[in-house]
Amino acid sequence: MKKNKIIPIFLLAIFSILIFISLQKNPVKNLNMTAIGGEKITSQQLLGKLTLINFWATDCPGCINEMPGLIETYKQYHAQGLEIIAVAMYYDPPSRVVSYSKNNKLPFPVVLDSNKEIMNKFNDIKLTPTSIILDKNGYVINTIVGEINFKDFNKEIAKLLK
């Protein structure tokens, strides 16, 4: 009788361990980007920083609407350890991205993802704007699809930077 109870408990334990392992998130690795100004950005350089990777396009009204908020958030929290990287979608003409970045004096790195390499590192990118937040160890801790609510977002950023 005891043997019959031990086997199901053992199987349940094994099953639970497998589920736990499958739910473990891995840090984003091998992230190599070049900003339009020539600056190289790697996942290694982002370690120790809270990082927002914003996927956007110049023809996306929501993306353009949230840029002033991203600029203000960057100015407010960059010195405390927040990094923002704006990744222009593969279909966005590079000349428009460069022009928009210069005309709007974007203070954070802007990257062209012409070959979808960065987008493919994050399986959830189907719409713009989409913002991915990486913790200081490079793990994805949040994904925001659509415009950011900066009032709530900035409160969360302040907590995460403590």
N, C-alpha and C. Protein backbone atom coordinates (compact mmCIF):
# COMPACT_ATOMS: atom_id res chain seq x y z
N MET A 1 0.82 -1.19 0.00
CA MET A 1 0.00 0.00 0.00
C MET A 1 0.87 1.26 0.00
N LYS A 2 1.94 1.27 0.82
CA LYS A 2 2.83 2.42 0.87
C LYS A 2 3.50 2.65 -0.47
N LYS A 3 3.85 1.57 -1.16
CA LYS A 3 4.52 1.67 -2.45
C LYS A 3 3.61 2.36 -3.47
N ASN A 4 2.32 2.06 -3.41
CA ASN A 4 1.37 2.66 -4.34
C ASN A 4 1.23 4.16 -4.12
N LYS A 5 1.43 4.64 -2.91
CA LYS A 5 1.35 6.07 -2.62
C LYS A 5 2.65 6.79 -2.99
N ILE A 6 3.75 6.11 -2.87
CA ILE A 6 5.05 6.73 -3.14
C ILE A 6 5.24 7.01 -4.62
N ILE A 7 4.82 6.12 -5.47
CA ILE A 7 5.01 6.31 -6.92
C ILE A 7 4.29 7.56 -7.42
N PRO A 8 3.00 7.78 -7.12
CA PRO A 8 2.35 9.01 -7.58
C PRO A 8 3.01 10.27 -7.02
N ILE A 9 3.43 10.22 -5.76
CA ILE A 9 4.09 11.38 -5.16
C ILE A 9 5.42 11.64 -5.86
N PHE A 10 6.16 10.60 -6.15
CA PHE A 10 7.43 10.73 -6.86
C PHE A 10 7.19 11.32 -8.26
N LEU A 11 6.20 10.81 -8.97
CA LEU A 11 5.89 11.32 -10.31
C LEU A 11 5.45 12.78 -10.26
N LEU A 12 4.66 13.12 -9.26
CA LEU A 12 4.23 14.51 -9.10
C LEU A 12 5.43 15.42 -8.84
N ALA A 13 6.36 14.96 -8.02
CA ALA A 13 7.56 15.74 -7.74
C ALA A 13 8.39 15.96 -9.00
N ILE A 14 8.57 14.90 -9.78
CA ILE A 14 9.33 15.01 -11.05
C ILE A 14 8.63 15.98 -11.99
N PHE A 15 7.32 15.84 -12.12
CA PHE A 15 6.53 16.70 -13.00
C PHE A 15 6.65 18.16 -12.56
N SER A 16 6.58 18.41 -11.25
CA SER A 16 6.70 19.76 -10.72
C SER A 16 8.07 20.36 -11.02
N ILE A 17 9.09 19.57 -10.87
CA ILE A 17 10.45 20.04 -11.17
C ILE A 17 10.59 20.40 -12.64
N LEU A 18 10.04 19.58 -13.51
CA LEU A 18 10.10 19.85 -14.95
C LEU A 18 9.36 21.13 -15.30
N ILE A 19 8.21 21.34 -14.71
CA ILE A 19 7.46 22.58 -14.95
C ILE A 19 8.27 23.77 -14.45
N PHE A 20 8.85 23.66 -13.27
CA PHE A 20 9.65 24.75 -12.71
C PHE A 20 10.81 25.11 -13.63
N ILE A 21 11.50 24.10 -14.12
CA ILE A 21 12.63 24.32 -15.02
C ILE A 21 12.17 24.98 -16.30
N SER A 22 11.04 24.54 -16.85
CA SER A 22 10.57 25.11 -18.12
C SER A 22 10.12 26.55 -17.96
N LEU A 23 9.72 26.95 -16.75
CA LEU A 23 9.28 28.32 -16.52
C LEU A 23 10.43 29.27 -16.20
N GLN A 24 11.61 28.75 -15.99
CA GLN A 24 12.75 29.60 -15.70
C GLN A 24 13.06 30.46 -16.92
N LYS A 25 13.23 31.75 -16.69
CA LYS A 25 13.56 32.65 -17.79
C LYS A 25 15.07 32.79 -17.86
N ASN A 26 15.53 32.91 -19.07
CA ASN A 26 16.96 33.10 -19.28
C ASN A 26 17.22 34.57 -19.56
N PRO A 27 18.37 35.06 -19.18
CA PRO A 27 18.69 36.44 -19.52
C PRO A 27 18.90 36.57 -21.02
N VAL A 28 18.68 37.79 -21.50
CA VAL A 28 18.90 38.06 -22.92
C VAL A 28 20.41 38.08 -23.13
N LYS A 29 20.88 37.22 -24.01
CA LYS A 29 22.32 37.12 -24.28
C LYS A 29 22.60 37.43 -25.74
N ASN A 30 23.84 37.69 -26.01
CA ASN A 30 24.31 37.92 -27.37
C ASN A 30 23.53 39.01 -28.08
N LEU A 31 23.19 40.04 -27.35
CA LEU A 31 22.50 41.18 -27.93
C LEU A 31 23.57 42.16 -28.38
N ASN A 32 23.71 42.33 -29.67
CA ASN A 32 24.71 43.23 -30.24
C ASN A 32 24.01 44.22 -31.15
N MET A 33 24.14 45.49 -30.81
CA MET A 33 23.48 46.54 -31.58
C MET A 33 24.47 47.66 -31.87
N THR A 34 24.19 48.36 -32.96
CA THR A 34 24.96 49.55 -33.28
C THR A 34 23.99 50.71 -33.45
N ALA A 35 24.17 51.73 -32.64
CA ALA A 35 23.32 52.91 -32.72
C ALA A 35 23.65 53.70 -33.99
N ILE A 36 22.71 54.54 -34.40
CA ILE A 36 22.92 55.30 -35.64
C ILE A 36 24.12 56.22 -35.55
N GLY A 37 24.54 56.57 -34.34
CA GLY A 37 25.74 57.38 -34.16
C GLY A 37 27.02 56.57 -34.14
N GLY A 38 26.91 55.23 -34.30
CA GLY A 38 28.08 54.37 -34.34
C GLY A 38 28.40 53.67 -33.02
N GLU A 39 27.71 54.05 -31.95
CA GLU A 39 27.95 53.45 -30.63
C GLU A 39 27.55 51.97 -30.63
N LYS A 40 28.45 51.13 -30.13
CA LYS A 40 28.18 49.69 -30.01
C LYS A 40 27.52 49.44 -28.66
N ILE A 41 26.47 48.61 -28.67
CA ILE A 41 25.76 48.27 -27.44
C ILE A 41 25.64 46.76 -27.39
N THR A 42 26.07 46.17 -26.26
CA THR A 42 25.97 44.72 -26.10
C THR A 42 25.20 44.39 -24.83
N SER A 43 24.71 43.17 -24.76
CA SER A 43 24.01 42.73 -23.55
C SER A 43 24.94 42.80 -22.34
N GLN A 44 26.21 42.57 -22.54
CA GLN A 44 27.19 42.64 -21.45
C GLN A 44 27.27 44.06 -20.88
N GLN A 45 27.22 45.07 -21.76
CA GLN A 45 27.29 46.46 -21.31
C GLN A 45 26.04 46.88 -20.53
N LEU A 46 24.93 46.19 -20.77
CA LEU A 46 23.67 46.55 -20.12
C LEU A 46 23.53 45.94 -18.73
N LEU A 47 24.39 44.97 -18.41
CA LEU A 47 24.32 44.36 -17.09
C LEU A 47 24.55 45.42 -16.02
N GLY A 48 23.76 45.38 -14.97
CA GLY A 48 23.86 46.37 -13.91
C GLY A 48 22.97 47.58 -14.14
N LYS A 49 22.30 47.62 -15.30
CA LYS A 49 21.41 48.74 -15.62
C LYS A 49 19.99 48.20 -15.84
N LEU A 50 19.02 48.97 -15.42
CA LEU A 50 17.64 48.69 -15.78
C LEU A 50 17.49 49.20 -17.21
N THR A 51 17.01 48.37 -18.11
CA THR A 51 17.01 48.73 -19.53
C THR A 51 15.62 48.63 -20.13
N LEU A 52 15.24 49.67 -20.85
CA LEU A 52 14.00 49.69 -21.61
C LEU A 52 14.38 49.64 -23.08
N ILE A 53 13.95 48.60 -23.77
CA ILE A 53 14.16 48.51 -25.21
C ILE A 53 12.81 48.79 -25.86
N ASN A 54 12.74 49.90 -26.59
CA ASN A 54 11.48 50.35 -27.19
C ASN A 54 11.51 50.10 -28.69
N PHE A 55 10.62 49.23 -29.15
CA PHE A 55 10.49 48.97 -30.59
C PHE A 55 9.47 49.96 -31.14
N TRP A 56 9.87 50.71 -32.15
CA TRP A 56 9.04 51.80 -32.66
C TRP A 56 9.23 51.97 -34.16
N ALA A 57 8.43 52.85 -34.74
CA ALA A 57 8.55 53.20 -36.16
C ALA A 57 8.13 54.65 -36.33
N THR A 58 8.70 55.30 -37.31
CA THR A 58 8.39 56.71 -37.55
C THR A 58 6.98 56.91 -38.08
N ASP A 59 6.37 55.86 -38.65
CA ASP A 59 5.00 55.98 -39.15
C ASP A 59 3.96 55.47 -38.16
N CYS A 60 4.36 55.24 -36.94
CA CYS A 60 3.48 54.72 -35.88
C CYS A 60 3.05 55.88 -34.98
N PRO A 61 1.77 56.29 -35.04
CA PRO A 61 1.33 57.42 -34.21
C PRO A 61 1.56 57.21 -32.71
N GLY A 62 1.30 56.02 -32.21
CA GLY A 62 1.51 55.74 -30.79
C GLY A 62 2.98 55.87 -30.40
N CYS A 63 3.85 55.44 -31.30
CA CYS A 63 5.30 55.53 -31.05
C CYS A 63 5.73 56.99 -30.93
N ILE A 64 5.24 57.79 -31.86
CA ILE A 64 5.60 59.21 -31.87
C ILE A 64 5.00 59.91 -30.65
N ASN A 65 3.77 59.53 -30.28
CA ASN A 65 3.13 60.12 -29.10
C ASN A 65 3.92 59.86 -27.82
N GLU A 66 4.54 58.68 -27.70
CA GLU A 66 5.23 58.37 -26.45
C GLU A 66 6.68 58.83 -26.41
N MET A 67 7.23 59.30 -27.51
CA MET A 67 8.64 59.73 -27.51
C MET A 67 8.93 60.84 -26.50
N PRO A 68 8.09 61.88 -26.39
CA PRO A 68 8.40 62.90 -25.37
C PRO A 68 8.45 62.31 -23.95
N GLY A 69 7.58 61.35 -23.67
CA GLY A 69 7.59 60.68 -22.36
C GLY A 69 8.85 59.87 -22.16
N LEU A 70 9.31 59.20 -23.21
CA LEU A 70 10.56 58.43 -23.12
C LEU A 70 11.74 59.36 -22.87
N ILE A 71 11.73 60.51 -23.56
CA ILE A 71 12.81 61.49 -23.37
C ILE A 71 12.84 61.97 -21.92
N GLU A 72 11.68 62.34 -21.39
CA GLU A 72 11.61 62.83 -20.01
C GLU A 72 12.01 61.75 -19.00
N THR A 73 11.54 60.52 -19.23
CA THR A 73 11.90 59.41 -18.34
C THR A 73 13.40 59.18 -18.36
N TYR A 74 13.99 59.22 -19.55
CA TYR A 74 15.44 59.04 -19.68
C TYR A 74 16.19 60.13 -18.91
N LYS A 75 15.76 61.37 -19.11
CA LYS A 75 16.43 62.48 -18.42
C LYS A 75 16.30 62.37 -16.90
N GLN A 76 15.15 61.90 -16.45
CA GLN A 76 14.89 61.80 -15.02
C GLN A 76 15.65 60.65 -14.36
N TYR A 77 15.79 59.51 -15.06
CA TYR A 77 16.31 58.31 -14.41
C TYR A 77 17.63 57.76 -14.96
N HIS A 78 18.15 58.33 -16.01
CA HIS A 78 19.38 57.78 -16.61
C HIS A 78 20.55 57.80 -15.62
N ALA A 79 20.70 58.90 -14.91
CA ALA A 79 21.82 59.01 -13.95
C ALA A 79 21.70 57.99 -12.82
N GLN A 80 20.48 57.49 -12.59
CA GLN A 80 20.25 56.50 -11.53
C GLN A 80 20.39 55.07 -12.02
N GLY A 81 20.64 54.89 -13.34
CA GLY A 81 20.88 53.54 -13.85
C GLY A 81 19.90 53.04 -14.89
N LEU A 82 19.03 53.91 -15.40
CA LEU A 82 18.10 53.50 -16.46
C LEU A 82 18.74 53.73 -17.82
N GLU A 83 18.67 52.73 -18.67
CA GLU A 83 19.11 52.86 -20.06
C GLU A 83 17.88 52.68 -20.94
N ILE A 84 17.75 53.52 -21.93
CA ILE A 84 16.68 53.37 -22.93
C ILE A 84 17.34 53.22 -24.28
N ILE A 85 16.86 52.25 -25.04
CA ILE A 85 17.34 52.03 -26.40
C ILE A 85 16.12 51.99 -27.31
N ALA A 86 16.08 52.87 -28.29
CA ALA A 86 14.97 52.90 -29.25
C ALA A 86 15.38 52.09 -30.47
N VAL A 87 14.65 51.01 -30.74
CA VAL A 87 14.96 50.13 -31.86
C VAL A 87 13.93 50.37 -32.96
N ALA A 88 14.38 50.96 -34.06
CA ALA A 88 13.48 51.21 -35.19
C ALA A 88 13.23 49.91 -35.94
N MET A 89 11.98 49.69 -36.30
CA MET A 89 11.58 48.45 -36.96
C MET A 89 12.24 48.31 -38.33
N TYR A 90 12.35 47.09 -38.77
CA TYR A 90 13.05 46.73 -40.01
C TYR A 90 12.48 47.44 -41.24
N TYR A 91 11.20 47.77 -41.24
CA TYR A 91 10.56 48.38 -42.41
C TYR A 91 10.67 49.90 -42.43
N ASP A 92 11.21 50.47 -41.38
CA ASP A 92 11.33 51.92 -41.29
C ASP A 92 12.53 52.39 -42.12
N PRO A 93 12.32 53.31 -43.05
CA PRO A 93 13.46 53.79 -43.86
C PRO A 93 14.53 54.44 -42.96
N PRO A 94 15.76 53.99 -43.08
CA PRO A 94 16.83 54.54 -42.23
C PRO A 94 16.93 56.06 -42.27
N SER A 95 16.72 56.66 -43.43
CA SER A 95 16.83 58.12 -43.53
C SER A 95 15.78 58.81 -42.66
N ARG A 96 14.58 58.24 -42.57
CA ARG A 96 13.52 58.82 -41.73
C ARG A 96 13.85 58.66 -40.25
N VAL A 97 14.42 57.52 -39.89
CA VAL A 97 14.79 57.27 -38.49
C VAL A 97 15.88 58.26 -38.06
N VAL A 98 16.89 58.41 -38.89
CA VAL A 98 17.99 59.33 -38.58
C VAL A 98 17.46 60.76 -38.48
N SER A 99 16.64 61.15 -39.44
CA SER A 99 16.07 62.50 -39.45
C SER A 99 15.22 62.75 -38.21
N TYR A 100 14.35 61.81 -37.88
CA TYR A 100 13.49 61.97 -36.70
C TYR A 100 14.34 62.08 -35.43
N SER A 101 15.33 61.23 -35.32
CA SER A 101 16.20 61.21 -34.13
C SER A 101 16.92 62.53 -33.94
N LYS A 102 17.45 63.07 -35.04
CA LYS A 102 18.18 64.34 -34.96
C LYS A 102 17.23 65.50 -34.70
N ASN A 103 16.11 65.55 -35.44
CA ASN A 103 15.16 66.65 -35.30
C ASN A 103 14.56 66.72 -33.90
N ASN A 104 14.40 65.57 -33.26
CA ASN A 104 13.78 65.52 -31.94
C ASN A 104 14.80 65.37 -30.82
N LYS A 105 16.08 65.42 -31.18
CA LYS A 105 17.19 65.37 -30.21
C LYS A 105 17.01 64.23 -29.20
N LEU A 106 16.80 63.03 -29.73
CA LEU A 106 16.63 61.87 -28.84
C LEU A 106 17.93 61.66 -28.06
N PRO A 107 17.87 61.68 -26.73
CA PRO A 107 19.08 61.60 -25.92
C PRO A 107 19.61 60.18 -25.70
N PHE A 108 18.84 59.19 -26.10
CA PHE A 108 19.21 57.78 -25.91
C PHE A 108 19.60 57.17 -27.24
N PRO A 109 20.29 56.05 -27.22
CA PRO A 109 20.71 55.41 -28.47
C PRO A 109 19.50 54.97 -29.31
N VAL A 110 19.63 55.18 -30.61
CA VAL A 110 18.62 54.74 -31.58
C VAL A 110 19.30 53.74 -32.50
N VAL A 111 18.67 52.59 -32.66
CA VAL A 111 19.24 51.48 -33.42
C VAL A 111 18.32 51.12 -34.57
N LEU A 112 18.89 50.84 -35.72
CA LEU A 112 18.13 50.33 -36.87
C LEU A 112 18.16 48.80 -36.83
N ASP A 113 17.00 48.19 -36.92
CA ASP A 113 16.93 46.72 -36.90
C ASP A 113 16.55 46.22 -38.30
N SER A 114 17.34 46.62 -39.28
CA SER A 114 17.04 46.33 -40.69
C SER A 114 16.89 44.86 -41.01
N ASN A 115 17.61 43.99 -40.32
CA ASN A 115 17.56 42.55 -40.62
C ASN A 115 16.75 41.75 -39.59
N LYS A 116 15.99 42.44 -38.74
CA LYS A 116 15.13 41.82 -37.72
C LYS A 116 15.89 41.05 -36.64
N GLU A 117 17.18 41.25 -36.56
CA GLU A 117 18.00 40.49 -35.60
C GLU A 117 17.60 40.77 -34.15
N ILE A 118 17.39 42.04 -33.83
CA ILE A 118 17.04 42.39 -32.46
C ILE A 118 15.60 41.95 -32.17
N MET A 119 14.72 42.23 -33.09
CA MET A 119 13.32 41.85 -32.95
C MET A 119 13.18 40.35 -32.70
N ASN A 120 13.97 39.56 -33.39
CA ASN A 120 13.89 38.10 -33.25
C ASN A 120 14.40 37.59 -31.91
N LYS A 121 15.18 38.42 -31.20
CA LYS A 121 15.63 38.02 -29.85
C LYS A 121 14.46 38.03 -28.86
N PHE A 122 13.43 38.80 -29.21
CA PHE A 122 12.25 38.94 -28.35
C PHE A 122 11.04 38.46 -29.17
N ASN A 123 10.51 37.32 -28.82
CA ASN A 123 9.45 36.71 -29.62
C ASN A 123 8.13 37.45 -29.59
N ASP A 124 7.98 38.41 -28.74
CA ASP A 124 6.68 39.06 -28.55
C ASP A 124 6.47 40.30 -29.41
N ILE A 125 7.36 40.63 -30.30
CA ILE A 125 7.25 41.88 -31.05
C ILE A 125 6.38 41.68 -32.28
N LYS A 126 5.13 42.11 -32.15
CA LYS A 126 4.21 42.00 -33.27
C LYS A 126 3.59 43.36 -33.61
N LEU A 127 3.60 44.26 -32.64
CA LEU A 127 3.02 45.59 -32.81
C LEU A 127 3.97 46.65 -32.29
N THR A 128 3.80 47.87 -32.79
CA THR A 128 4.55 48.99 -32.25
C THR A 128 3.55 49.99 -31.69
N PRO A 129 3.93 50.69 -30.65
CA PRO A 129 5.15 50.50 -29.88
C PRO A 129 5.06 49.27 -28.96
N THR A 130 6.19 48.64 -28.78
CA THR A 130 6.34 47.57 -27.79
C THR A 130 7.62 47.88 -27.01
N SER A 131 7.49 47.86 -25.70
CA SER A 131 8.64 48.13 -24.83
C SER A 131 8.93 46.91 -23.98
N ILE A 132 10.20 46.52 -23.98
CA ILE A 132 10.67 45.39 -23.18
C ILE A 132 11.54 45.96 -22.07
N ILE A 133 11.27 45.54 -20.84
CA ILE A 133 12.07 46.01 -19.71
C ILE A 133 12.93 44.85 -19.23
N LEU A 134 14.23 45.10 -19.19
CA LEU A 134 15.20 44.11 -18.68
C LEU A 134 15.68 44.56 -17.31
N ASP A 135 15.75 43.62 -16.38
CA ASP A 135 16.28 43.97 -15.07
C ASP A 135 17.80 44.11 -15.15
N LYS A 136 18.42 44.39 -14.04
CA LYS A 136 19.87 44.64 -14.02
C LYS A 136 20.70 43.41 -14.34
N ASN A 137 20.06 42.24 -14.34
CA ASN A 137 20.75 40.99 -14.70
C ASN A 137 20.44 40.54 -16.12
N GLY A 138 19.70 41.35 -16.86
CA GLY A 138 19.40 41.04 -18.26
C GLY A 138 18.17 40.18 -18.48
N TYR A 139 17.36 39.99 -17.45
CA TYR A 139 16.13 39.20 -17.59
C TYR A 139 14.96 40.10 -17.98
N VAL A 140 14.11 39.61 -18.88
CA VAL A 140 12.90 40.35 -19.24
C VAL A 140 11.96 40.30 -18.04
N ILE A 141 11.59 41.47 -17.53
CA ILE A 141 10.68 41.52 -16.39
C ILE A 141 9.31 42.09 -16.75
N ASN A 142 9.22 42.73 -17.92
CA ASN A 142 7.92 43.26 -18.34
C ASN A 142 7.95 43.55 -19.83
N THR A 143 6.78 43.39 -20.44
CA THR A 143 6.58 43.75 -21.84
C THR A 143 5.34 44.62 -21.90
N ILE A 144 5.47 45.78 -22.51
CA ILE A 144 4.35 46.70 -22.66
C ILE A 144 4.05 46.84 -24.14
N VAL A 145 2.86 46.44 -24.54
CA VAL A 145 2.44 46.58 -25.93
C VAL A 145 1.49 47.77 -25.98
N GLY A 146 1.80 48.74 -26.83
CA GLY A 146 1.02 49.97 -26.89
C GLY A 146 1.75 51.08 -26.15
N GLU A 147 1.10 52.23 -26.13
CA GLU A 147 1.72 53.39 -25.49
C GLU A 147 1.88 53.18 -23.99
N ILE A 148 2.96 53.69 -23.48
CA ILE A 148 3.26 53.60 -22.05
C ILE A 148 2.45 54.64 -21.29
N ASN A 149 1.89 54.24 -20.16
CA ASN A 149 1.27 55.17 -19.22
C ASN A 149 2.41 55.64 -18.32
N PHE A 150 2.96 56.81 -18.60
CA PHE A 150 4.18 57.24 -17.93
C PHE A 150 4.01 57.53 -16.44
N LYS A 151 2.81 57.91 -16.03
CA LYS A 151 2.59 58.16 -14.59
C LYS A 151 2.86 56.88 -13.81
N ASP A 152 2.23 55.79 -14.22
CA ASP A 152 2.44 54.50 -13.54
C ASP A 152 3.83 53.93 -13.82
N PHE A 153 4.26 54.07 -15.06
CA PHE A 153 5.54 53.52 -15.48
C PHE A 153 6.69 54.13 -14.68
N ASN A 154 6.69 55.44 -14.54
CA ASN A 154 7.79 56.11 -13.83
C ASN A 154 7.82 55.73 -12.35
N LYS A 155 6.64 55.50 -11.76
CA LYS A 155 6.61 55.02 -10.37
C LYS A 155 7.29 53.66 -10.27
N GLU A 156 7.00 52.80 -11.23
CA GLU A 156 7.60 51.46 -11.24
C GLU A 156 9.11 51.53 -11.47
N ILE A 157 9.52 52.39 -12.39
CA ILE A 157 10.96 52.57 -12.66
C ILE A 157 11.68 53.02 -11.39
N ALA A 158 11.09 53.98 -10.69
CA ALA A 158 11.71 54.48 -9.46
C ALA A 158 11.89 53.35 -8.44
N LYS A 159 10.89 52.48 -8.32
CA LYS A 159 10.99 51.34 -7.39
C LYS A 159 12.08 50.37 -7.83
N LEU A 160 12.13 50.08 -9.12
CA LEU A 160 13.11 49.11 -9.64
C LEU A 160 14.55 49.61 -9.52
N LEU A 161 14.73 50.90 -9.54
CA LEU A 161 16.08 51.47 -9.46
C LEU A 161 16.60 51.57 -8.03
N LYS A 162 15.75 51.36 -7.06
CA LYS A 162 16.19 51.45 -5.65
C LYS A 162 17.09 50.30 -5.29
